[in-house]
Amino acid sequence: MELEVITKNLKDVETIESYVNKKIGKLSRYLPSMNGGKVEIREEKTRSPQQRFTVQVTLSSKGTLLRGEERGDNVYAAVDAAYEVMSRQIERFKGKRYRKGRGAPLRPVLVEEAEAAPKVVRVKRFVAKTMTIADAAEQMELLGHDFFLFVNDDNKALSVLYRRDDGDYGLIEPELG
């Protein structure tokens, strides 16, 4: 894999480039189809010394771009953090490209399968009732769902109430355009 290293406001560029090529170059073993990448490293004048160095990595794999950006108090820590971010990006990317069968080894997704739209396997129809947000939250909890579609009593618009990861609720109110 060929890496283009771009630096801004840095000293000892050769040592940094060598470290970047060694560290980020390891990612090609996890995704052999990677054909190139760009690493931008810059030092910024910030109040927080932990945010002083920024490393942005962009990798290309058969037309798909994977990008990650991390900050650190020194160049090497920022490069290491960017490496970890890109490792997770590659794992997610590979997870989308490969399906796990029941007891079968991972297999590549065929191009026809990847381009096919997801199919609707169930259609559910119901009457969206007019209610307050509090009533919708109570109804959602009673049903044991993570979201609830209702007509908001305040503005008579269709709304979706959903449970967030932190335990609170979110409300989606679409605007017609």
C-alpha atoms as a PDB file:
ATOM      1  CA  MET A   1       0.000   0.000   0.000  1.00  0.00           C
ATOM      2  CA  GLU A   2       1.310   3.408  -0.944  1.00  0.00           C
ATOM      3  CA  LEU A   3       0.846   6.173   1.618  1.00  0.00           C
ATOM      4  CA  GLU A   4       1.119   9.885   0.937  1.00  0.00           C
ATOM      5  CA  VAL A   5       2.183  11.689   4.119  1.00  0.00           C
ATOM      6  CA  ILE A   6       1.463  15.411   4.303  1.00  0.00           C
ATOM      7  CA  THR A   7       2.800  17.386   7.256  1.00  0.00           C
ATOM      8  CA  LYS A   8       2.189  20.943   8.368  1.00  0.00           C
ATOM      9  CA  ASN A   9       4.087  22.867  11.060  1.00  0.00           C
ATOM     10  CA  LEU A  10       6.208  19.859  12.044  1.00  0.00           C
ATOM     11  CA  LYS A  11       9.905  19.256  12.637  1.00  0.00           C
ATOM     12  CA  ASP A  12      11.803  15.986  12.124  1.00  0.00           C
ATOM     13  CA  VAL A  13       9.511  15.015   9.235  1.00  0.00           C
ATOM     14  CA  GLU A  14      11.555  11.981   8.084  1.00  0.00           C
ATOM     15  CA  THR A  15      11.221  10.204  11.450  1.00  0.00           C
ATOM     16  CA  ILE A  16       7.495  10.919  11.590  1.00  0.00           C
ATOM     17  CA  GLU A  17       6.971   9.712   8.009  1.00  0.00           C
ATOM     18  CA  SER A  18       8.858   6.516   8.795  1.00  0.00           C
ATOM     19  CA  TYR A  19       6.688   5.886  11.871  1.00  0.00           C
ATOM     20  CA  VAL A  20       3.474   6.627   9.945  1.00  0.00           C
ATOM     21  CA  ASN A  21       4.417   4.274   7.099  1.00  0.00           C
ATOM     22  CA  LYS A  22       5.266   1.545   9.579  1.00  0.00           C
ATOM     23  CA  LYS A  23       2.146   1.976  11.753  1.00  0.00           C
ATOM     24  CA  ILE A  24      -0.554   2.832   9.199  1.00  0.00           C
ATOM     25  CA  GLY A  25       1.000   0.448   6.664  1.00  0.00           C
ATOM     26  CA  LYS A  26       0.030  -2.430   8.979  1.00  0.00           C
ATOM     27  CA  LEU A  27      -3.613  -1.790   8.094  1.00  0.00           C
ATOM     28  CA  SER A  28      -3.080  -3.277   4.634  1.00  0.00           C
ATOM     29  CA  ARG A  29      -2.791  -6.744   6.154  1.00  0.00           C
ATOM     30  CA  TYR A  30      -6.358  -6.427   7.493  1.00  0.00           C
ATOM     31  CA  LEU A  31      -7.753  -5.282   4.159  1.00  0.00           C
ATOM     32  CA  PRO A  32      -5.548  -6.428   1.262  1.00  0.00           C
ATOM     33  CA  SER A  33      -7.707  -4.622  -1.305  1.00  0.00           C
ATOM     34  CA  MET A  34      -6.460  -1.233  -0.053  1.00  0.00           C
ATOM     35  CA  ASN A  35      -4.629   0.450  -2.867  1.00  0.00           C
ATOM     36  CA  GLY A  36      -3.504   3.716  -1.332  1.00  0.00           C
ATOM     37  CA  GLY A  37      -3.990   6.324   1.277  1.00  0.00           C
ATOM     38  CA  LYS A  38      -3.233   9.767   2.533  1.00  0.00           C
ATOM     39  CA  VAL A  39      -2.137  10.783   6.028  1.00  0.00           C
ATOM     40  CA  GLU A  40      -2.284  14.453   6.989  1.00  0.00           C
ATOM     41  CA  ILE A  41      -0.477  15.493  10.174  1.00  0.00           C
ATOM     42  CA  ARG A  42      -0.543  19.024  11.510  1.00  0.00           C
ATOM     43  CA  GLU A  43       0.363  20.831  14.675  1.00  0.00           C
ATOM     44  CA  GLU A  44      -2.107  23.473  15.758  1.00  0.00           C
ATOM     45  CA  LYS A  45      -1.860  26.187  18.354  1.00  0.00           C
ATOM     46  CA  THR A  46      -4.566  25.140  20.809  1.00  0.00           C
ATOM     47  CA  ARG A  47      -5.252  25.872  24.438  1.00  0.00           C
ATOM     48  CA  SER A  48      -5.399  22.203  25.260  1.00  0.00           C
ATOM     49  CA  PRO A  49      -2.050  20.413  24.873  1.00  0.00           C
ATOM     50  CA  GLN A  50      -3.933  17.104  24.487  1.00  0.00           C
ATOM     51  CA  GLN A  51      -5.403  18.426  21.225  1.00  0.00           C
ATOM     52  CA  ARG A  52      -2.210  19.876  19.752  1.00  0.00           C
ATOM     53  CA  PHE A  53      -1.496  17.321  16.988  1.00  0.00           C
ATOM     54  CA  THR A  54      -4.133  16.225  14.474  1.00  0.00           C
ATOM     55  CA  VAL A  55      -3.780  13.126  12.298  1.00  0.00           C
ATOM     56  CA  GLN A  56      -6.288  12.496   9.517  1.00  0.00           C
ATOM     57  CA  VAL A  57      -6.087   9.189   7.643  1.00  0.00           C
ATOM     58  CA  THR A  58      -7.924   8.514   4.376  1.00  0.00           C
ATOM     59  CA  LEU A  59      -7.650   5.048   2.832  1.00  0.00           C
ATOM     60  CA  SER A  60      -9.022   3.847  -0.485  1.00  0.00           C
ATOM     61  CA  SER A  61     -10.221   0.312  -1.129  1.00  0.00           C
ATOM     62  CA  LYS A  62     -11.731  -0.382  -4.532  1.00  0.00           C
ATOM     63  CA  GLY A  63     -13.525   2.953  -4.695  1.00  0.00           C
ATOM     64  CA  THR A  64     -14.601   3.014  -1.045  1.00  0.00           C
ATOM     65  CA  LEU A  65     -13.037   5.649   1.172  1.00  0.00           C
ATOM     66  CA  LEU A  66     -12.379   5.024   4.850  1.00  0.00           C
ATOM     67  CA  ARG A  67     -11.542   8.087   6.916  1.00  0.00           C
ATOM     68  CA  GLY A  68     -10.547   8.723  10.506  1.00  0.00           C
ATOM     69  CA  GLU A  69      -9.231  11.694  12.445  1.00  0.00           C
ATOM     70  CA  GLU A  70      -7.685  11.793  15.893  1.00  0.00           C
ATOM     71  CA  ARG A  71      -5.882  14.288  18.090  1.00  0.00           C
ATOM     72  CA  GLY A  72      -3.155  13.858  20.663  1.00  0.00           C
ATOM     73  CA  ASP A  73      -0.589  15.583  22.814  1.00  0.00           C
ATOM     74  CA  ASN A  74       2.239  14.275  20.616  1.00  0.00           C
ATOM     75  CA  VAL A  75       2.459  13.064  17.039  1.00  0.00           C
ATOM     76  CA  TYR A  76       3.015   9.432  17.920  1.00  0.00           C
ATOM     77  CA  ALA A  77       0.024   9.242  20.275  1.00  0.00           C
ATOM     78  CA  ALA A  78      -2.189  10.831  17.607  1.00  0.00           C
ATOM     79  CA  VAL A  79      -0.941   8.367  14.953  1.00  0.00           C
ATOM     80  CA  ASP A  80      -1.580   5.443  17.331  1.00  0.00           C
ATOM     81  CA  ALA A  81      -5.106   6.713  18.051  1.00  0.00           C
ATOM     82  CA  ALA A  82      -5.777   7.157  14.325  1.00  0.00           C
ATOM     83  CA  TYR A  83      -4.534   3.597  13.738  1.00  0.00           C
ATOM     84  CA  GLU A  84      -7.066   2.291  16.281  1.00  0.00           C
ATOM     85  CA  VAL A  85      -9.885   4.293  14.669  1.00  0.00           C
ATOM     86  CA  MET A  86      -8.989   2.983  11.223  1.00  0.00           C
ATOM     87  CA  SER A  87      -8.816  -0.591  12.534  1.00  0.00           C
ATOM     88  CA  ARG A  88     -12.406  -0.250  13.757  1.00  0.00           C
ATOM     89  CA  GLN A  89     -13.441   1.326  10.438  1.00  0.00           C
ATOM     90  CA  ILE A  90     -11.947  -1.615   8.540  1.00  0.00           C
ATOM     91  CA  GLU A  91     -13.716  -4.112  10.815  1.00  0.00           C
ATOM     92  CA  ARG A  92     -17.046  -2.363  10.156  1.00  0.00           C
ATOM     93  CA  PHE A  93     -16.326  -2.224   6.435  1.00  0.00           C
ATOM     94  CA  LYS A  94     -15.461  -5.908   6.336  1.00  0.00           C
ATOM     95  CA  GLY A  95     -18.560  -6.704   8.367  1.00  0.00           C
ATOM     96  CA  LYS A  96     -20.696  -5.093   5.688  1.00  0.00           C
ATOM     97  CA  ARG A  97     -18.894  -6.920   2.883  1.00  0.00           C
ATOM     98  CA  TYR A  98     -18.967 -10.332   4.474  1.00  0.00           C
ATOM     99  CA  ARG A  99     -21.904 -12.201   5.940  1.00  0.00           C
ATOM    100  CA  LYS A 100     -21.641 -14.739   8.651  1.00  0.00           C
ATOM    101  CA  GLY A 101     -23.516 -17.957   7.881  1.00  0.00           C
ATOM    102  CA  ARG A 102     -24.669 -20.402  10.518  1.00  0.00           C
ATOM    103  CA  GLY A 103     -21.532 -22.317  11.252  1.00  0.00           C
ATOM    104  CA  ALA A 104     -20.209 -21.538   7.783  1.00  0.00           C
ATOM    105  CA  PRO A 105     -17.021 -19.555   7.212  1.00  0.00           C
ATOM    106  CA  LEU A 106     -17.248 -15.921   6.179  1.00  0.00           C
ATOM    107  CA  ARG A 107     -18.022 -15.538   2.515  1.00  0.00           C
ATOM    108  CA  PRO A 108     -17.815 -12.521   0.222  1.00  0.00           C
ATOM    109  CA  VAL A 109     -21.104 -10.844  -0.653  1.00  0.00           C
ATOM    110  CA  LEU A 110     -21.843 -11.164  -4.351  1.00  0.00           C
ATOM    111  CA  VAL A 111     -22.042  -7.928  -6.313  1.00  0.00           C
ATOM    112  CA  GLU A 112     -25.655  -8.646  -7.287  1.00  0.00           C
ATOM    113  CA  GLU A 113     -26.597  -9.142  -3.628  1.00  0.00           C
ATOM    114  CA  ALA A 114     -24.840  -5.955  -2.545  1.00  0.00           C
ATOM    115  CA  GLU A 115     -26.635  -3.861  -5.163  1.00  0.00           C
ATOM    116  CA  ALA A 116     -30.066  -5.376  -4.490  1.00  0.00           C
ATOM    117  CA  ALA A 117     -32.325  -3.247  -2.318  1.00  0.00           C
ATOM    118  CA  PRO A 118     -33.261  -4.623   1.083  1.00  0.00           C
ATOM    119  CA  LYS A 119     -36.578  -6.389   0.853  1.00  0.00           C
ATOM    120  CA  VAL A 120     -39.564  -5.618   3.020  1.00  0.00           C
ATOM    121  CA  VAL A 121     -40.522  -8.793   4.858  1.00  0.00           C
ATOM    122  CA  ARG A 122     -43.448  -7.429   6.853  1.00  0.00           C
ATOM    123  CA  VAL A 123     -45.925  -4.589   6.527  1.00  0.00           C
ATOM    124  CA  LYS A 124     -47.848  -3.436   9.563  1.00  0.00           C
ATOM    125  CA  ARG A 125     -50.760  -1.022   9.347  1.00  0.00           C
ATOM    126  CA  PHE A 126     -52.354   0.792  12.252  1.00  0.00           C
ATOM    127  CA  VAL A 127     -54.262   3.948  13.023  1.00  0.00           C
ATOM    128  CA  ALA A 128     -51.947   6.670  14.330  1.00  0.00           C
ATOM    129  CA  LYS A 129     -53.796   8.185  17.263  1.00  0.00           C
ATOM    130  CA  THR A 130     -53.620  11.798  18.383  1.00  0.00           C
ATOM    131  CA  MET A 131     -51.966  12.010  21.817  1.00  0.00           C
ATOM    132  CA  THR A 132     -49.562  14.008  23.926  1.00  0.00           C
ATOM    133  CA  ILE A 133     -45.868  13.176  24.088  1.00  0.00           C
ATOM    134  CA  ALA A 134     -46.305  11.879  27.646  1.00  0.00           C
ATOM    135  CA  ASP A 135     -49.114   9.557  26.521  1.00  0.00           C
ATOM    136  CA  ALA A 136     -46.986   8.350  23.607  1.00  0.00           C
ATOM    137  CA  ALA A 137     -44.092   7.599  25.978  1.00  0.00           C
ATOM    138  CA  GLU A 138     -46.400   5.646  28.265  1.00  0.00           C
ATOM    139  CA  GLN A 139     -47.873   3.709  25.326  1.00  0.00           C
ATOM    140  CA  MET A 140     -44.378   2.943  23.994  1.00  0.00           C
ATOM    141  CA  GLU A 141     -43.299   1.619  27.395  1.00  0.00           C
ATOM    142  CA  LEU A 142     -46.440  -0.494  27.717  1.00  0.00           C
ATOM    143  CA  LEU A 143     -45.775  -2.048  24.316  1.00  0.00           C
ATOM    144  CA  GLY A 144     -42.093  -2.595  25.117  1.00  0.00           C
ATOM    145  CA  HIS A 145     -40.977  -0.885  21.893  1.00  0.00           C
ATOM    146  CA  ASP A 146     -37.995   1.388  21.290  1.00  0.00           C
ATOM    147  CA  PHE A 147     -40.015   3.796  19.152  1.00  0.00           C
ATOM    148  CA  PHE A 148     -43.624   4.883  18.733  1.00  0.00           C
ATOM    149  CA  LEU A 149     -45.386   6.626  15.847  1.00  0.00           C
ATOM    150  CA  PHE A 150     -48.239   8.974  16.757  1.00  0.00           C
ATOM    151  CA  VAL A 151     -49.997  12.221  15.812  1.00  0.00           C
ATOM    152  CA  ASN A 152     -48.707  14.931  18.149  1.00  0.00           C
ATOM    153  CA  ASP A 153     -51.550  16.675  19.967  1.00  0.00           C
ATOM    154  CA  ASP A 154     -49.592  19.944  20.091  1.00  0.00           C
ATOM    155  CA  ASN A 155     -49.106  20.480  16.341  1.00  0.00           C
ATOM    156  CA  LYS A 156     -51.269  17.729  14.754  1.00  0.00           C
ATOM    157  CA  ALA A 157     -48.201  16.430  12.896  1.00  0.00           C
ATOM    158  CA  LEU A 158     -47.016  12.849  12.567  1.00  0.00           C
ATOM    159  CA  SER A 159     -44.165  12.297  15.063  1.00  0.00           C
ATOM    160  CA  VAL A 160     -41.871   9.492  16.187  1.00  0.00           C
ATOM    161  CA  LEU A 161     -40.857   9.119  19.817  1.00  0.00           C
ATOM    162  CA  TYR A 162     -37.795   6.924  20.400  1.00  0.00           C
ATOM    163  CA  ARG A 163     -35.672   5.720  23.305  1.00  0.00           C
ATOM    164  CA  ARG A 164     -32.074   6.940  23.219  1.00  0.00           C
ATOM    165  CA  ASP A 165     -29.087   4.899  24.355  1.00  0.00           C
ATOM    166  CA  ASP A 166     -28.767   7.071  27.473  1.00  0.00           C
ATOM    167  CA  GLY A 167     -32.328   6.149  28.558  1.00  0.00           C
ATOM    168  CA  ASP A 168     -33.909   9.483  27.646  1.00  0.00           C
ATOM    169  CA  TYR A 169     -36.340  10.020  24.777  1.00  0.00           C
ATOM    170  CA  GLY A 170     -35.940  11.653  21.394  1.00  0.00           C
ATOM    171  CA  LEU A 171     -38.681  13.112  19.210  1.00  0.00           C
ATOM    172  CA  ILE A 172     -38.643  13.241  15.422  1.00  0.00           C
ATOM    173  CA  GLU A 173     -40.955  15.794  13.877  1.00  0.00           C
ATOM    174  CA  PRO A 174     -40.698  15.857  10.081  1.00  0.00           C
ATOM    175  CA  GLU A 175     -41.146  19.083   8.162  1.00  0.00           C
ATOM    176  CA  LEU A 176     -42.807  18.815   4.779  1.00  0.00           C
ATOM    177  CA  GLY A 177     -40.807  20.594   2.129  1.00  0.00           C
END
